[in-house]
Every structure is written in C-alpha cells, then in structure tokens.
Amino acid sequence: MERISAGPHHTAYKIGDLTVTSLRDGYVDMPVRRLRRPGDKPFGDDLPSQVPLFDSALRLSVNAFAIDDGREITLIDTGSSNAWHPTMGFLPQALSEARIAVDRIRTVAFTHTHLDHIHGLVLADGRDGFPRLSRLIVPRAELDMFRSVARLSRFHDLAEPSDPGQRLSAHIKAVAAVGHEIGHTGFRVTSGGETLLVWGDLVHVPSLQFDRPDIAWEFDADQDQARATRLRILALVADSDWYVAGAHLDSPGVGRVSRTETGFRFEGL
C-alpha cells in the first residue's frame, strides 16, 4: 500500500488496482470522562501521560474513506456536515482537494449510524451531498435508527440493509464489529494481494486504546462487547498483516497494527 498524494484534508493510497482516499471531515474535542475503564469507571487526573490533551480535552479526528475501482467510488461514512460541532463538516473540501467528483460516488456505506458518520449525505445548504447516489448501505440492526433521523428523510427509502459477510463489490466485504453500536460494521477491502480493514469507531483515542484495548468509550452501546470486539480485531489485523483505516485515528488514520508485550501498537502510513 503506497501513499500517492496528500493535502490538509486528504491522503490517497494505492492498494492493488484500487485507490483509497482518507478524507478529513474535521475533528471534535471531547471530555476525558468519555473514556471508561472496566466497570464503567471514567478517568480523572489519573489519565496516562501519553494521551495528548487540547485545553484539557481529547481531540478526535473524524475521517471518511473513498474506495475508487476506476469506474465508480464507494464512500464509507460521510462525516457530520453541519449537524454537530463547527470544527467538522469539511468533507466537501476534502473531496475537492482530492479531485474526487461527487458525481462518481454512487454507493455510500455506513459503519454505523452515529451523527458524525451519516449527516454528510446533506450539505450545509440543504442540497444532496452526492447527487448520483444509487446505493445507501446501512447495517441491518440500525435501519430503524437511520430512518428515525428526520433531516435525512429523503434517503430513508433508499437505505438497504447490510449483514456481516455480505459483498458490496468484488473488492469490499462487510465484517462484523458490533459493540460500539448494535450494528457496527467494518469493511474489508482487498486488491492485489493486500487487505485494508476500514473499521469505523473501533478505536476512539489511539494514544491509549491500542496499548489498553480494555478502555471503552462512554458512547459504546455495549462497553463489554466493544472491548471484546476491539481485542479480537486488533489481534486479527496484527496477525494477518492487514492495513487498517479508522474514523477516529489521527488523520489520515491509515496504517498497520503490531503486537507488543502488553497490547498493540499503531504505525501510521
């Protein structure tokens, strides 16, 4: 997997016959108490020193990923548009910087239905973010959650369910990653003998959760299940030598995972 271009809001890679582009929607600052130790115990002044803080807050990158097979583009997650913090919603600028024409994005697939992943379907001015969208793929367990979002009502009927093991295309396959949300899904991308796992919100704070996979996130639907899933997938990608792409890994959020004596380590690409 080779980096082929980069800018403030995008980084593009070649993997086999595909181009995968990380698109930076922005960032969000969150309180330290969102991190949870086993037993649902938050951190206070005892936060490990390796975790960087910005005005006493955790800073999470928000990334989406475009997969280009030369004919059309599948976009995994869409950022938040103007539905949340003003530090987010820069996906249109990232697409422009990466020279990705929105008309070529025909499929959008969600890892899950939290607002920082789905609201980019609609631009801040109310127009469709992807005018030629023909497939909208939502984890089956979260279809009702998606269809309850009033702002996205024009897309409710377009949404179709996905299940673990389902192929979105010849190169993209859905992978179960439940815990953070009831239908949380990763997408395995393969080409030219290489594999990339786009894993959504498996890790929120990379400076801590690779070394301590037992640390959960307050917004995990099931913290214990999220911990177990994180440990399982970290072991899988480390032992299989897969590349990974994370929605909240520091932009561009693409790299490799390896084992350490006590946990795991992430090395960006």
Protein backbone atom coordinates (compact mmCIF):
# COMPACT_ATOMS: atom_id res chain seq x y z
CA MET A 1 0.00 0.00 0.00
CA GLU A 2 1.61 3.22 -1.20
CA ARG A 3 0.79 6.85 -0.48
CA ILE A 4 0.28 8.70 -3.78
CA SER A 5 -0.99 12.16 -2.79
CA ALA A 6 -1.76 14.23 0.29
CA GLY A 7 -3.03 17.61 1.41
CA PRO A 8 -4.50 19.22 4.53
CA HIS A 9 -7.80 17.34 4.16
CA HIS A 10 -6.93 14.19 2.20
CA THR A 11 -4.39 11.40 1.76
CA ALA A 12 -4.66 8.93 -1.11
CA TYR A 13 -3.14 5.45 -1.32
CA LYS A 14 -2.77 2.78 -3.97
CA ILE A 15 -3.74 -0.74 -2.95
CA GLY A 16 -3.62 -3.17 -5.83
CA ASP A 17 -5.89 -1.82 -8.55
CA LEU A 18 -7.75 0.48 -6.16
CA THR A 19 -7.26 4.00 -4.89
CA VAL A 20 -8.28 4.51 -1.27
CA THR A 21 -8.52 8.10 -0.08
CA SER A 22 -8.77 9.23 3.52
CA LEU A 23 -10.98 12.31 3.73
CA ARG A 24 -10.75 14.53 6.80
CA ASP A 25 -14.15 15.82 7.88
CA GLY A 26 -12.52 17.69 10.78
CA TYR A 27 -12.18 16.98 14.47
CA VAL A 28 -14.15 17.05 17.69
CA ASP A 29 -12.90 17.77 21.23
CA MET A 30 -14.40 15.56 23.91
CA PRO A 31 -14.06 15.48 27.71
CA VAL A 32 -11.69 12.95 29.25
CA ARG A 33 -14.59 11.41 31.20
CA ARG A 34 -15.83 9.83 27.93
CA LEU A 35 -13.08 7.22 28.36
CA ARG A 36 -14.21 4.33 30.56
CA ARG A 37 -12.27 1.66 32.38
CA PRO A 38 -13.85 -1.71 33.11
CA GLY A 39 -16.79 -1.25 35.43
CA ASP A 40 -17.82 1.94 33.59
CA LYS A 41 -15.29 3.98 35.60
CA PRO A 42 -14.24 7.28 33.99
CA PHE A 43 -10.75 8.76 34.09
CA GLY A 44 -9.92 11.88 36.07
CA ASP A 45 -6.48 13.20 36.96
CA ASP A 46 -5.11 9.67 36.53
CA LEU A 47 -5.19 9.78 32.71
CA PRO A 48 -1.93 8.28 31.40
CA SER A 49 0.62 10.91 30.43
CA GLN A 50 0.98 9.70 26.83
CA VAL A 51 -2.53 10.93 25.98
CA PRO A 52 -2.34 14.45 24.47
CA LEU A 53 -4.93 16.99 25.60
CA PHE A 54 -6.15 20.20 23.95
CA ASP A 55 -7.50 22.63 26.56
CA SER A 56 -8.00 19.62 28.83
CA ALA A 57 -9.99 17.76 26.15
CA LEU A 58 -9.40 14.72 23.95
CA ARG A 59 -9.17 15.61 20.26
CA LEU A 60 -10.66 13.02 17.90
CA SER A 61 -10.10 13.15 14.15
CA VAL A 62 -13.18 12.45 12.05
CA ASN A 63 -12.34 10.60 8.81
CA ALA A 64 -14.28 9.08 5.92
CA PHE A 65 -12.81 6.82 3.22
CA ALA A 66 -13.38 6.68 -0.54
CA ILE A 67 -12.64 3.49 -2.50
CA ASP A 68 -12.17 4.01 -6.24
CA ASP A 69 -12.11 0.97 -8.53
CA GLY A 70 -11.63 3.06 -11.68
CA ARG A 71 -15.32 3.01 -12.63
CA GLU A 72 -17.11 4.39 -9.61
CA ILE A 73 -16.44 5.24 -5.98
CA THR A 74 -17.78 3.73 -2.77
CA LEU A 75 -17.70 6.14 0.17
CA ILE A 76 -17.54 4.70 3.67
CA ASP A 77 -19.14 7.17 6.10
CA THR A 78 -19.85 10.80 5.29
CA GLY A 79 -18.89 12.92 8.28
CA SER A 80 -21.27 15.23 10.11
CA SER A 81 -21.96 18.15 7.73
CA ASN A 82 -23.31 20.94 9.96
CA ALA A 83 -25.15 18.61 12.34
CA TRP A 84 -22.67 18.81 15.21
CA HIS A 85 -19.55 20.87 16.03
CA PRO A 86 -18.30 23.68 13.72
CA THR A 87 -14.86 22.01 13.66
CA MET A 88 -16.41 19.32 11.46
CA GLY A 89 -18.19 19.21 8.13
CA PHE A 90 -15.20 19.61 5.81
CA LEU A 91 -15.84 16.51 3.70
CA PRO A 92 -16.78 18.58 0.59
CA GLN A 93 -13.48 20.45 0.82
CA ALA A 94 -11.62 17.17 1.27
CA LEU A 95 -13.27 15.67 -1.82
CA SER A 96 -12.42 18.76 -3.86
CA GLU A 97 -8.82 18.74 -2.65
CA ALA A 98 -8.53 15.04 -3.57
CA ARG A 99 -10.07 15.78 -7.00
CA ILE A 100 -12.90 13.35 -6.39
CA ALA A 101 -16.01 14.32 -8.33
CA VAL A 102 -19.09 13.76 -6.18
CA ASP A 103 -20.98 12.50 -9.26
CA ARG A 104 -18.72 9.42 -9.25
CA ILE A 105 -19.84 8.43 -5.74
CA ARG A 106 -22.71 6.03 -6.43
CA THR A 107 -22.52 3.94 -3.23
CA VAL A 108 -22.35 5.13 0.38
CA ALA A 109 -21.89 2.56 3.15
CA PHE A 110 -22.16 3.37 6.84
CA THR A 111 -20.13 1.66 9.54
CA HIS A 112 -22.91 2.73 11.93
CA THR A 113 -25.50 5.47 12.27
CA HIS A 114 -24.00 7.94 14.77
CA LEU A 115 -24.38 11.53 13.63
CA ASP A 116 -20.71 12.12 12.77
CA HIS A 117 -20.93 9.33 10.17
CA ILE A 118 -24.24 9.91 8.38
CA HIS A 119 -25.14 13.60 8.15
CA GLY A 120 -22.77 14.32 5.28
CA LEU A 121 -25.47 12.97 2.98
CA VAL A 122 -26.87 16.51 3.16
CA LEU A 123 -24.71 19.59 2.63
CA ALA A 124 -24.87 22.55 4.99
CA ASP A 125 -27.02 24.41 2.44
CA GLY A 126 -29.52 21.54 2.28
CA ARG A 127 -28.50 20.10 -1.09
CA ASP A 128 -27.68 16.42 -1.62
CA GLY A 129 -24.04 15.72 -0.96
CA PHE A 130 -23.94 13.00 -3.65
CA PRO A 131 -26.39 13.81 -6.49
CA ARG A 132 -25.99 10.45 -8.30
CA LEU A 133 -26.20 8.24 -5.22
CA SER A 134 -27.88 4.95 -6.12
CA ARG A 135 -27.00 2.67 -3.17
CA LEU A 136 -27.10 3.54 0.51
CA ILE A 137 -25.97 0.68 2.71
CA VAL A 138 -26.83 0.64 6.42
CA PRO A 139 -26.18 -2.12 8.97
CA ARG A 140 -29.40 -4.11 9.22
CA ALA A 141 -29.67 -3.72 13.00
CA GLU A 142 -29.57 0.07 12.62
CA LEU A 143 -32.01 0.60 9.76
CA ASP A 144 -34.72 1.85 12.12
CA MET A 145 -32.24 4.17 13.81
CA PHE A 146 -31.29 5.65 10.43
CA ARG A 147 -34.92 6.01 9.38
CA SER A 148 -35.68 7.95 12.56
CA VAL A 149 -33.36 10.81 11.52
CA ALA A 150 -35.73 13.45 10.20
CA ARG A 151 -33.06 15.51 8.45
CA LEU A 152 -32.24 12.53 6.25
CA SER A 153 -35.84 11.59 5.45
CA ARG A 154 -35.31 11.89 1.68
CA PHE A 155 -32.88 8.95 1.94
CA HIS A 156 -34.96 6.65 4.14
CA ASP A 157 -36.42 4.63 1.26
CA LEU A 158 -33.06 4.33 -0.49
CA ALA A 159 -31.40 2.66 2.50
CA GLU A 160 -30.79 -1.07 2.16
CA PRO A 161 -29.52 -3.40 4.90
CA SER A 162 -26.10 -4.98 5.11
CA ASP A 163 -25.06 -8.08 7.02
CA PRO A 164 -21.63 -9.40 8.04
CA GLY A 165 -20.09 -11.37 5.19
CA GLN A 166 -22.03 -9.50 2.53
CA ARG A 167 -20.10 -8.30 -0.51
CA LEU A 168 -20.66 -4.71 -1.54
CA SER A 169 -18.49 -5.24 -4.62
CA ALA A 170 -15.77 -7.53 -5.88
CA HIS A 171 -13.30 -5.76 -3.57
CA ILE A 172 -15.39 -4.81 -0.50
CA LYS A 173 -16.90 -7.11 2.12
CA ALA A 174 -18.79 -6.28 5.34
CA VAL A 175 -17.22 -7.51 8.60
CA ALA A 176 -18.98 -7.77 11.99
CA ALA A 177 -17.63 -5.29 14.55
CA VAL A 178 -20.54 -4.86 16.97
CA GLY A 179 -20.17 -3.25 20.38
CA HIS A 180 -19.77 0.45 19.75
CA GLU A 181 -23.23 0.24 18.20
CA ILE A 182 -25.65 -2.63 17.70
CA GLY A 183 -24.84 -2.98 14.00
CA HIS A 184 -21.32 -1.54 13.95
CA THR A 185 -19.63 -2.87 10.82
CA GLY A 186 -16.18 -2.82 9.28
CA PHE A 187 -15.40 -3.15 5.58
CA ARG A 188 -12.59 -5.36 4.30
CA VAL A 189 -11.05 -4.02 1.10
CA THR A 190 -8.83 -6.37 -0.93
CA SER A 191 -6.86 -5.97 -4.16
CA GLY A 192 -3.50 -7.08 -5.49
CA GLY A 193 -2.87 -9.42 -2.57
CA GLU A 194 -3.25 -6.62 0.01
CA THR A 195 -6.03 -6.07 2.55
CA LEU A 196 -7.30 -2.94 4.28
CA LEU A 197 -9.91 -3.02 7.05
CA VAL A 198 -11.95 0.16 7.37
CA TRP A 199 -13.07 -0.32 10.95
CA GLY A 200 -15.22 2.68 11.86
CA ASP A 201 -15.14 3.51 15.60
CA LEU A 202 -13.18 0.53 16.87
CA VAL A 203 -10.67 2.97 18.45
CA HIS A 204 -11.50 6.50 19.60
CA VAL A 205 -8.29 7.52 21.38
CA PRO A 206 -5.34 5.87 19.63
CA SER A 207 -2.75 7.16 22.10
CA LEU A 208 -4.39 4.94 24.74
CA GLN A 209 -6.62 2.20 23.33
CA PHE A 210 -4.01 0.33 21.31
CA ASP A 211 -1.95 -0.21 24.43
CA ARG A 212 -5.10 -0.61 26.56
CA PRO A 213 -7.85 -2.29 24.48
CA ASP A 214 -9.84 -2.66 27.72
CA ILE A 215 -10.53 1.10 27.77
CA ALA A 216 -14.01 1.76 26.40
CA TRP A 217 -15.95 4.86 25.32
CA GLU A 218 -18.96 6.29 27.08
CA PHE A 219 -21.00 6.18 23.86
CA ASP A 220 -20.35 2.48 23.26
CA ALA A 221 -23.76 0.80 23.14
CA ASP A 222 -22.25 -2.20 24.94
CA GLN A 223 -18.89 -1.47 26.55
CA ASP A 224 -18.01 -5.09 27.29
CA GLN A 225 -18.84 -6.16 23.75
CA ALA A 226 -16.88 -3.21 22.35
CA ARG A 227 -13.85 -4.28 24.38
CA ALA A 228 -14.09 -7.87 23.16
CA THR A 229 -14.54 -6.78 19.55
CA ARG A 230 -11.60 -4.39 19.75
CA LEU A 231 -9.32 -7.10 21.15
CA ARG A 232 -10.47 -9.62 18.53
CA ILE A 233 -10.00 -7.27 15.58
CA LEU A 234 -6.68 -5.87 16.78
CA ALA A 235 -5.38 -9.43 17.02
CA LEU A 236 -6.78 -10.25 13.58
CA VAL A 237 -5.21 -7.31 11.77
CA ALA A 238 -1.88 -7.64 13.59
CA ASP A 239 -1.57 -11.36 12.93
CA SER A 240 -2.81 -11.08 9.33
CA ASP A 241 -0.63 -8.05 8.49
CA TRP A 242 -3.64 -6.12 7.21
CA TYR A 243 -3.70 -2.36 6.85
CA VAL A 244 -6.35 -0.52 8.85
CA ALA A 245 -8.29 2.72 8.46
CA GLY A 246 -10.12 4.29 11.39
CA ALA A 247 -12.72 7.02 11.61
CA HIS A 248 -11.10 8.47 14.75
CA LEU A 249 -7.45 7.59 14.25
CA ASP A 250 -5.35 10.72 13.86
CA SER A 251 -5.74 11.92 10.27
CA PRO A 252 -5.18 10.34 7.80
CA GLY A 253 -5.99 7.38 10.04
CA VAL A 254 -4.36 4.67 7.89
CA GLY A 255 -1.59 2.33 8.97
CA ARG A 256 -0.67 -1.04 10.45
CA VAL A 257 -1.09 -2.66 13.85
CA SER A 258 1.50 -4.84 15.56
CA ARG A 259 1.59 -6.67 18.87
CA THR A 260 3.62 -5.53 21.88
CA GLU A 261 4.34 -7.35 25.12
CA THR A 262 1.28 -5.82 26.77
CA GLY A 263 -1.03 -4.78 23.95
CA PHE A 264 -0.77 -3.38 20.44
CA ARG A 265 0.94 -0.56 18.56
CA PHE A 266 -0.28 1.51 15.61
CA GLU A 267 2.10 2.85 12.97
CA GLY A 268 0.66 5.37 10.55
CA LEU A 269 1.29 5.20 6.83
